[in-house]
Amino acid sequence: MIPPTRLDYVEFYANKLKEDHSFFKSQKRLIESQLQASSSLFRNKFGSGDDFKIKARKYLKGIGLI
């Protein structure tokens, strides 16, 4: 038996989405929820507007990412 590859999983997932529209809707809800949570997290951490860019850059420099 050949072990499944990542491409096999991608193909399986794509076929599942084609067959079952409720699966697509639940995935969409999950992604939107994660996006909203991330947005809220960063807004709380760095503020909004021009302050956001300044605070985010300062933070990223502090941890060595820029």
N, C-alpha and C. Protein backbone atom coordinates (compact mmCIF):
# COMPACT_ATOMS: atom_id res chain seq x y z
N MET A 1 0.84 -1.19 0.00
CA MET A 1 0.00 0.00 0.00
C MET A 1 0.88 1.25 0.00
N ILE A 2 0.54 2.18 -0.85
CA ILE A 2 1.29 3.43 -0.95
C ILE A 2 0.71 4.42 0.07
N PRO A 3 1.57 5.00 0.91
CA PRO A 3 1.06 5.97 1.88
C PRO A 3 0.54 7.23 1.17
N PRO A 4 -0.50 7.84 1.70
CA PRO A 4 -1.04 9.04 1.06
C PRO A 4 -0.05 10.20 1.14
N THR A 5 -0.07 11.03 0.11
CA THR A 5 0.79 12.22 0.08
C THR A 5 -0.07 13.44 0.42
N ARG A 6 0.57 14.55 0.55
CA ARG A 6 -0.18 15.79 0.82
C ARG A 6 -1.13 16.11 -0.32
N LEU A 7 -0.68 15.81 -1.54
CA LEU A 7 -1.53 16.08 -2.69
C LEU A 7 -2.80 15.22 -2.65
N ASP A 8 -2.67 13.99 -2.15
CA ASP A 8 -3.85 13.13 -2.00
C ASP A 8 -4.87 13.76 -1.06
N TYR A 9 -4.39 14.36 0.03
CA TYR A 9 -5.29 15.00 0.96
C TYR A 9 -5.95 16.23 0.35
N VAL A 10 -5.21 16.97 -0.44
CA VAL A 10 -5.76 18.15 -1.10
C VAL A 10 -6.85 17.73 -2.08
N GLU A 11 -6.59 16.69 -2.82
CA GLU A 11 -7.59 16.19 -3.77
C GLU A 11 -8.84 15.68 -3.03
N PHE A 12 -8.64 14.96 -1.95
CA PHE A 12 -9.75 14.47 -1.15
C PHE A 12 -10.59 15.63 -0.62
N TYR A 13 -9.92 16.65 -0.10
CA TYR A 13 -10.59 17.83 0.46
C TYR A 13 -11.38 18.55 -0.62
N ALA A 14 -10.79 18.72 -1.80
CA ALA A 14 -11.48 19.40 -2.90
C ALA A 14 -12.72 18.63 -3.32
N ASN A 15 -12.61 17.32 -3.40
CA ASN A 15 -13.77 16.50 -3.76
C ASN A 15 -14.87 16.58 -2.70
N LYS A 16 -14.47 16.60 -1.44
CA LYS A 16 -15.45 16.73 -0.35
C LYS A 16 -16.21 18.05 -0.46
N LEU A 17 -15.47 19.11 -0.77
CA LEU A 17 -16.11 20.42 -0.90
C LEU A 17 -17.10 20.44 -2.07
N LYS A 18 -16.76 19.77 -3.16
CA LYS A 18 -17.66 19.70 -4.31
C LYS A 18 -18.93 18.93 -3.97
N GLU A 19 -18.78 17.84 -3.25
CA GLU A 19 -19.91 16.96 -2.94
C GLU A 19 -20.83 17.52 -1.86
N ASP A 20 -20.26 18.13 -0.85
CA ASP A 20 -21.04 18.53 0.32
C ASP A 20 -20.89 20.03 0.57
N HIS A 21 -21.91 20.79 0.20
CA HIS A 21 -21.83 22.24 0.34
C HIS A 21 -21.84 22.70 1.80
N SER A 22 -22.42 21.90 2.68
CA SER A 22 -22.43 22.28 4.09
C SER A 22 -21.01 22.24 4.66
N PHE A 23 -20.17 21.36 4.12
CA PHE A 23 -18.77 21.29 4.53
C PHE A 23 -18.06 22.60 4.19
N PHE A 24 -18.33 23.13 3.00
CA PHE A 24 -17.75 24.41 2.58
C PHE A 24 -18.21 25.53 3.52
N LYS A 25 -19.49 25.55 3.83
CA LYS A 25 -20.03 26.60 4.69
C LYS A 25 -19.39 26.56 6.08
N SER A 26 -19.19 25.36 6.62
CA SER A 26 -18.59 25.27 7.96
C SER A 26 -17.13 25.71 7.93
N GLN A 27 -16.40 25.38 6.86
CA GLN A 27 -15.01 25.81 6.73
C GLN A 27 -14.93 27.33 6.59
N LYS A 28 -15.86 27.90 5.83
CA LYS A 28 -15.89 29.35 5.65
C LYS A 28 -16.14 30.04 6.99
N ARG A 29 -17.09 29.51 7.78
CA ARG A 29 -17.37 30.08 9.10
C ARG A 29 -16.14 30.01 10.00
N LEU A 30 -15.44 28.89 9.96
CA LEU A 30 -14.24 28.72 10.78
C LEU A 30 -13.17 29.74 10.40
N ILE A 31 -12.93 29.90 9.11
CA ILE A 31 -11.91 30.85 8.64
C ILE A 31 -12.29 32.28 9.01
N GLU A 32 -13.55 32.65 8.82
CA GLU A 32 -13.99 34.00 9.18
C GLU A 32 -13.86 34.25 10.67
N SER A 33 -14.15 33.25 11.47
CA SER A 33 -14.01 33.37 12.92
C SER A 33 -12.55 33.58 13.32
N GLN A 34 -11.66 32.83 12.69
CA GLN A 34 -10.22 32.98 12.98
C GLN A 34 -9.72 34.35 12.56
N LEU A 35 -10.20 34.83 11.42
CA LEU A 35 -9.81 36.16 10.94
C LEU A 35 -10.26 37.24 11.90
N GLN A 36 -11.50 37.13 12.37
CA GLN A 36 -12.03 38.11 13.31
C GLN A 36 -11.26 38.08 14.64
N ALA A 37 -10.94 36.89 15.11
CA ALA A 37 -10.19 36.77 16.37
C ALA A 37 -8.80 37.37 16.23
N SER A 38 -8.14 37.11 15.11
CA SER A 38 -6.80 37.66 14.89
C SER A 38 -6.85 39.18 14.82
N SER A 39 -7.84 39.69 14.11
CA SER A 39 -8.00 41.14 13.99
C SER A 39 -8.20 41.78 15.35
N SER A 40 -9.04 41.17 16.16
CA SER A 40 -9.31 41.68 17.50
C SER A 40 -8.05 41.63 18.38
N LEU A 41 -7.33 40.53 18.29
CA LEU A 41 -6.11 40.36 19.08
C LEU A 41 -5.10 41.47 18.75
N PHE A 42 -4.85 41.69 17.46
CA PHE A 42 -3.87 42.70 17.07
C PHE A 42 -4.36 44.11 17.36
N ARG A 43 -5.66 44.36 17.22
CA ARG A 43 -6.20 45.68 17.54
C ARG A 43 -6.03 45.96 19.03
N ASN A 44 -6.26 44.95 19.86
CA ASN A 44 -6.09 45.13 21.31
C ASN A 44 -4.63 45.32 21.69
N LYS A 45 -3.74 44.65 20.98
CA LYS A 45 -2.32 44.73 21.31
C LYS A 45 -1.68 46.03 20.83
N PHE A 46 -2.06 46.47 19.61
CA PHE A 46 -1.37 47.61 19.01
C PHE A 46 -2.25 48.84 18.78
N GLY A 47 -3.52 48.79 19.08
CA GLY A 47 -4.40 49.93 18.83
C GLY A 47 -4.86 49.93 17.39
N SER A 48 -5.21 51.10 16.87
CA SER A 48 -5.67 51.20 15.48
C SER A 48 -5.14 52.48 14.85
N GLY A 49 -5.32 52.59 13.55
CA GLY A 49 -4.87 53.78 12.83
C GLY A 49 -3.36 53.85 12.73
N ASP A 50 -2.83 55.07 12.77
CA ASP A 50 -1.38 55.27 12.64
C ASP A 50 -0.62 54.66 13.82
N ASP A 51 -1.24 54.69 14.99
CA ASP A 51 -0.63 54.07 16.17
C ASP A 51 -0.32 52.60 15.95
N PHE A 52 -1.20 51.92 15.23
CA PHE A 52 -1.04 50.50 14.98
C PHE A 52 0.28 50.21 14.28
N LYS A 53 0.56 50.95 13.21
CA LYS A 53 1.80 50.72 12.44
C LYS A 53 3.04 50.98 13.30
N ILE A 54 3.01 52.05 14.04
CA ILE A 54 4.16 52.42 14.87
C ILE A 54 4.42 51.36 15.94
N LYS A 55 3.36 50.98 16.66
CA LYS A 55 3.50 50.00 17.74
C LYS A 55 3.87 48.62 17.20
N ALA A 56 3.27 48.24 16.06
CA ALA A 56 3.56 46.92 15.48
C ALA A 56 5.02 46.85 15.03
N ARG A 57 5.52 47.91 14.38
CA ARG A 57 6.91 47.91 13.93
C ARG A 57 7.87 47.87 15.11
N LYS A 58 7.55 48.61 16.15
CA LYS A 58 8.39 48.62 17.34
C LYS A 58 8.45 47.21 17.96
N TYR A 59 7.29 46.56 18.03
CA TYR A 59 7.22 45.20 18.57
C TYR A 59 8.03 44.22 17.71
N LEU A 60 7.84 44.28 16.39
CA LEU A 60 8.55 43.37 15.48
C LEU A 60 10.06 43.58 15.54
N LYS A 61 10.49 44.84 15.66
CA LYS A 61 11.92 45.11 15.81
C LYS A 61 12.43 44.54 17.13
N GLY A 62 11.63 44.67 18.16
CA GLY A 62 12.01 44.18 19.49
C GLY A 62 12.22 42.66 19.54
N ILE A 63 11.47 41.93 18.73
CA ILE A 63 11.63 40.48 18.73
C ILE A 63 12.52 40.00 17.57
N GLY A 64 13.06 40.97 16.81
CA GLY A 64 14.05 40.63 15.79
C GLY A 64 13.50 40.16 14.45
N LEU A 65 12.23 40.46 14.17
CA LEU A 65 11.67 40.06 12.88
C LEU A 65 11.90 41.08 11.78
N ILE A 66 12.17 42.34 12.16
CA ILE A 66 12.54 43.35 11.16
C ILE A 66 13.69 44.17 11.67
